[in-house]
């Protein structure tokens, strides 16, 4: 499998002077289209689950769709990213199922609470 971290993808991109696309996905068709384009262009990708996607579906469905994309495209480096997770629980779930990157967005809280939550995420991750 070509599952990798966002850091590894971005370090390679910086060294070789190219960009990496990051795409929020909601369903199988999204993931298939992204992976088809990545395969045709031999480009690494970051597949993201957003809060919106998690309202539409759930981690279990997304996990299997994302892992199918990785399995079907072993030559394409893929990172799985939680985009704008809004709770520590969502971060924990993403890490538990194998996401290689998480981002907490606690901006809807006070600055102090945002910092506290962000520290918790960093410590957990």
C-alpha atoms as a PDB file:
ATOM      1  CA  UNK A   1       0.000   0.000   0.000  1.00  0.00           C
ATOM      2  CA  UNK A   2       1.075   3.539  -0.680  1.00  0.00           C
ATOM      3  CA  UNK A   3      -0.473   4.972   2.483  1.00  0.00           C
ATOM      4  CA  UNK A   4       1.727   7.770   3.754  1.00  0.00           C
ATOM      5  CA  UNK A   5       1.652  10.863   5.931  1.00  0.00           C
ATOM      6  CA  UNK A   6       0.951  14.408   4.805  1.00  0.00           C
ATOM      7  CA  UNK A   7       4.383  15.402   6.101  1.00  0.00           C
ATOM      8  CA  UNK A   8       6.082  12.821   3.893  1.00  0.00           C
ATOM      9  CA  UNK A   9       4.081  13.977   0.861  1.00  0.00           C
ATOM     10  CA  UNK A  10       4.791  17.657   1.466  1.00  0.00           C
ATOM     11  CA  UNK A  11       8.488  17.124   2.217  1.00  0.00           C
ATOM     12  CA  UNK A  12       8.880  15.272  -1.100  1.00  0.00           C
ATOM     13  CA  UNK A  13       6.869  17.925  -2.945  1.00  0.00           C
ATOM     14  CA  UNK A  14       8.970  20.727  -1.490  1.00  0.00           C
ATOM     15  CA  UNK A  15      12.210  18.970  -2.397  1.00  0.00           C
ATOM     16  CA  UNK A  16      11.031  18.318  -5.970  1.00  0.00           C
ATOM     17  CA  UNK A  17       9.118  21.608  -6.366  1.00  0.00           C
ATOM     18  CA  UNK A  18       5.546  20.499  -7.013  1.00  0.00           C
ATOM     19  CA  UNK A  19       2.174  20.820  -5.297  1.00  0.00           C
ATOM     20  CA  UNK A  20      -0.024  18.127  -3.789  1.00  0.00           C
ATOM     21  CA  UNK A  21      -3.800  18.230  -4.145  1.00  0.00           C
ATOM     22  CA  UNK A  22      -5.969  17.750  -1.069  1.00  0.00           C
ATOM     23  CA  UNK A  23      -9.555  16.729  -1.796  1.00  0.00           C
ATOM     24  CA  UNK A  24     -12.552  16.474   0.496  1.00  0.00           C
ATOM     25  CA  UNK A  25     -14.589  13.392  -0.300  1.00  0.00           C
ATOM     26  CA  UNK A  26     -18.180  12.443   0.452  1.00  0.00           C
ATOM     27  CA  UNK A  27     -18.758   9.253  -1.473  1.00  0.00           C
ATOM     28  CA  UNK A  28     -17.337   6.492  -3.641  1.00  0.00           C
ATOM     29  CA  UNK A  29     -17.689   8.433  -6.879  1.00  0.00           C
ATOM     30  CA  UNK A  30     -15.618  11.327  -5.486  1.00  0.00           C
ATOM     31  CA  UNK A  31     -12.846   8.998  -4.403  1.00  0.00           C
ATOM     32  CA  UNK A  32     -12.854   7.048  -7.666  1.00  0.00           C
ATOM     33  CA  UNK A  33     -12.594  10.241  -9.737  1.00  0.00           C
ATOM     34  CA  UNK A  34      -9.767  11.608  -7.592  1.00  0.00           C
ATOM     35  CA  UNK A  35      -7.831   8.371  -7.777  1.00  0.00           C
ATOM     36  CA  UNK A  36      -8.384   8.044 -11.526  1.00  0.00           C
ATOM     37  CA  UNK A  37      -6.910  11.504 -12.051  1.00  0.00           C
ATOM     38  CA  UNK A  38      -4.055  10.794  -9.623  1.00  0.00           C
ATOM     39  CA  UNK A  39      -3.272   7.559 -11.438  1.00  0.00           C
ATOM     40  CA  UNK A  40      -3.363   9.165 -14.874  1.00  0.00           C
ATOM     41  CA  UNK A  41      -1.057  11.976 -13.755  1.00  0.00           C
ATOM     42  CA  UNK A  42       1.001   9.791 -11.403  1.00  0.00           C
ATOM     43  CA  UNK A  43       0.379  12.337  -8.650  1.00  0.00           C
ATOM     44  CA  UNK A  44       0.213  11.839  -4.903  1.00  0.00           C
ATOM     45  CA  UNK A  45      -2.996  12.924  -3.186  1.00  0.00           C
ATOM     46  CA  UNK A  46      -4.384  13.842   0.177  1.00  0.00           C
ATOM     47  CA  UNK A  47      -7.882  12.435   0.634  1.00  0.00           C
ATOM     48  CA  UNK A  48      -9.767  14.397   3.262  1.00  0.00           C
ATOM     49  CA  UNK A  49     -12.866  13.822   5.342  1.00  0.00           C
ATOM     50  CA  UNK A  50     -14.479  17.066   6.420  1.00  0.00           C
ATOM     51  CA  UNK A  51     -17.136  17.833   9.009  1.00  0.00           C
ATOM     52  CA  UNK A  52     -19.590  18.056   6.122  1.00  0.00           C
ATOM     53  CA  UNK A  53     -18.647  14.600   4.883  1.00  0.00           C
ATOM     54  CA  UNK A  54     -19.088  13.192   8.357  1.00  0.00           C
ATOM     55  CA  UNK A  55     -22.603  14.648   8.488  1.00  0.00           C
ATOM     56  CA  UNK A  56     -23.358  12.987   5.152  1.00  0.00           C
ATOM     57  CA  UNK A  57     -21.776   9.645   6.013  1.00  0.00           C
ATOM     58  CA  UNK A  58     -19.613   8.316   8.852  1.00  0.00           C
ATOM     59  CA  UNK A  59     -16.063   7.215   9.603  1.00  0.00           C
ATOM     60  CA  UNK A  60     -16.747   3.542   8.923  1.00  0.00           C
ATOM     61  CA  UNK A  61     -17.937   4.097   5.360  1.00  0.00           C
ATOM     62  CA  UNK A  62     -15.226   6.623   4.612  1.00  0.00           C
ATOM     63  CA  UNK A  63     -12.522   4.367   6.060  1.00  0.00           C
ATOM     64  CA  UNK A  64     -13.445   1.517   3.724  1.00  0.00           C
ATOM     65  CA  UNK A  65     -13.751   3.781   0.701  1.00  0.00           C
ATOM     66  CA  UNK A  66     -10.417   5.441   1.420  1.00  0.00           C
ATOM     67  CA  UNK A  67      -8.630   2.156   2.036  1.00  0.00           C
ATOM     68  CA  UNK A  68     -10.113   0.744  -1.173  1.00  0.00           C
ATOM     69  CA  UNK A  69      -8.608   3.710  -3.028  1.00  0.00           C
ATOM     70  CA  UNK A  70      -5.204   3.012  -1.499  1.00  0.00           C
ATOM     71  CA  UNK A  71      -5.418  -0.722  -2.195  1.00  0.00           C
ATOM     72  CA  UNK A  72      -6.544  -0.245  -5.805  1.00  0.00           C
ATOM     73  CA  UNK A  73      -3.745   2.272  -6.481  1.00  0.00           C
ATOM     74  CA  UNK A  74      -0.623   0.861  -4.822  1.00  0.00           C
ATOM     75  CA  UNK A  75       1.706   3.078  -6.848  1.00  0.00           C
ATOM     76  CA  UNK A  76       0.060   6.346  -5.803  1.00  0.00           C
ATOM     77  CA  UNK A  77       1.116   7.855  -2.467  1.00  0.00           C
ATOM     78  CA  UNK A  78      -2.050   8.668  -0.502  1.00  0.00           C
ATOM     79  CA  UNK A  79      -2.484  10.435   2.831  1.00  0.00           C
ATOM     80  CA  UNK A  80      -5.781  10.249   4.725  1.00  0.00           C
ATOM     81  CA  UNK A  81      -6.603  13.507   6.495  1.00  0.00           C
ATOM     82  CA  UNK A  82      -9.325  14.651   8.885  1.00  0.00           C
ATOM     83  CA  UNK A  83     -10.026  18.190   7.711  1.00  0.00           C
ATOM     84  CA  UNK A  84     -11.372  20.659  10.277  1.00  0.00           C
ATOM     85  CA  UNK A  85     -12.347  18.083  12.875  1.00  0.00           C
ATOM     86  CA  UNK A  86     -14.284  19.985  15.504  1.00  0.00           C
ATOM     87  CA  UNK A  87     -13.981  17.693  18.522  1.00  0.00           C
ATOM     88  CA  UNK A  88     -11.312  15.666  20.242  1.00  0.00           C
ATOM     89  CA  UNK A  89     -13.593  12.657  19.755  1.00  0.00           C
ATOM     90  CA  UNK A  90     -13.531  13.073  15.954  1.00  0.00           C
ATOM     91  CA  UNK A  91      -9.733  13.245  16.049  1.00  0.00           C
ATOM     92  CA  UNK A  92      -9.542  10.102  18.193  1.00  0.00           C
ATOM     93  CA  UNK A  93     -11.849   8.228  15.800  1.00  0.00           C
ATOM     94  CA  UNK A  94      -9.836   9.312  12.762  1.00  0.00           C
ATOM     95  CA  UNK A  95      -6.556   8.212  14.335  1.00  0.00           C
ATOM     96  CA  UNK A  96      -8.071   4.928  15.502  1.00  0.00           C
ATOM     97  CA  UNK A  97      -9.153   3.957  11.985  1.00  0.00           C
ATOM     98  CA  UNK A  98      -5.818   4.846  10.419  1.00  0.00           C
ATOM     99  CA  UNK A  99      -5.963   8.431   9.218  1.00  0.00           C
ATOM    100  CA  UNK A 100      -2.384   9.601   8.757  1.00  0.00           C
ATOM    101  CA  UNK A 101      -3.166  13.254   9.467  1.00  0.00           C
ATOM    102  CA  UNK A 102      -5.667  15.190  11.572  1.00  0.00           C
ATOM    103  CA  UNK A 103      -6.551  18.847  11.914  1.00  0.00           C
ATOM    104  CA  UNK A 104      -8.586  20.228  14.786  1.00  0.00           C
ATOM    105  CA  UNK A 105     -10.635  23.365  14.221  1.00  0.00           C
ATOM    106  CA  UNK A 106     -11.666  24.745  17.586  1.00  0.00           C
ATOM    107  CA  UNK A 107     -12.067  28.276  16.242  1.00  0.00           C
ATOM    108  CA  UNK A 108     -15.713  28.349  17.331  1.00  0.00           C
ATOM    109  CA  UNK A 109     -14.452  28.443  20.941  1.00  0.00           C
ATOM    110  CA  UNK A 110     -12.726  31.245  22.810  1.00  0.00           C
ATOM    111  CA  UNK A 111      -9.017  31.621  22.149  1.00  0.00           C
ATOM    112  CA  UNK A 112      -8.144  30.044  25.488  1.00  0.00           C
ATOM    113  CA  UNK A 113     -10.457  27.064  24.901  1.00  0.00           C
ATOM    114  CA  UNK A 114      -9.128  26.701  21.345  1.00  0.00           C
ATOM    115  CA  UNK A 115      -5.568  26.483  22.684  1.00  0.00           C
ATOM    116  CA  UNK A 116      -6.604  23.969  25.373  1.00  0.00           C
ATOM    117  CA  UNK A 117      -8.362  21.704  22.858  1.00  0.00           C
ATOM    118  CA  UNK A 118      -5.496  21.965  20.383  1.00  0.00           C
ATOM    119  CA  UNK A 119      -3.023  20.933  23.094  1.00  0.00           C
ATOM    120  CA  UNK A 120      -5.181  17.903  23.906  1.00  0.00           C
ATOM    121  CA  UNK A 121      -5.169  16.884  20.248  1.00  0.00           C
ATOM    122  CA  UNK A 122      -1.401  17.274  19.970  1.00  0.00           C
ATOM    123  CA  UNK A 123      -0.869  15.203  23.123  1.00  0.00           C
ATOM    124  CA  UNK A 124      -3.262  12.497  21.894  1.00  0.00           C
ATOM    125  CA  UNK A 125      -1.815  12.359  18.383  1.00  0.00           C
END
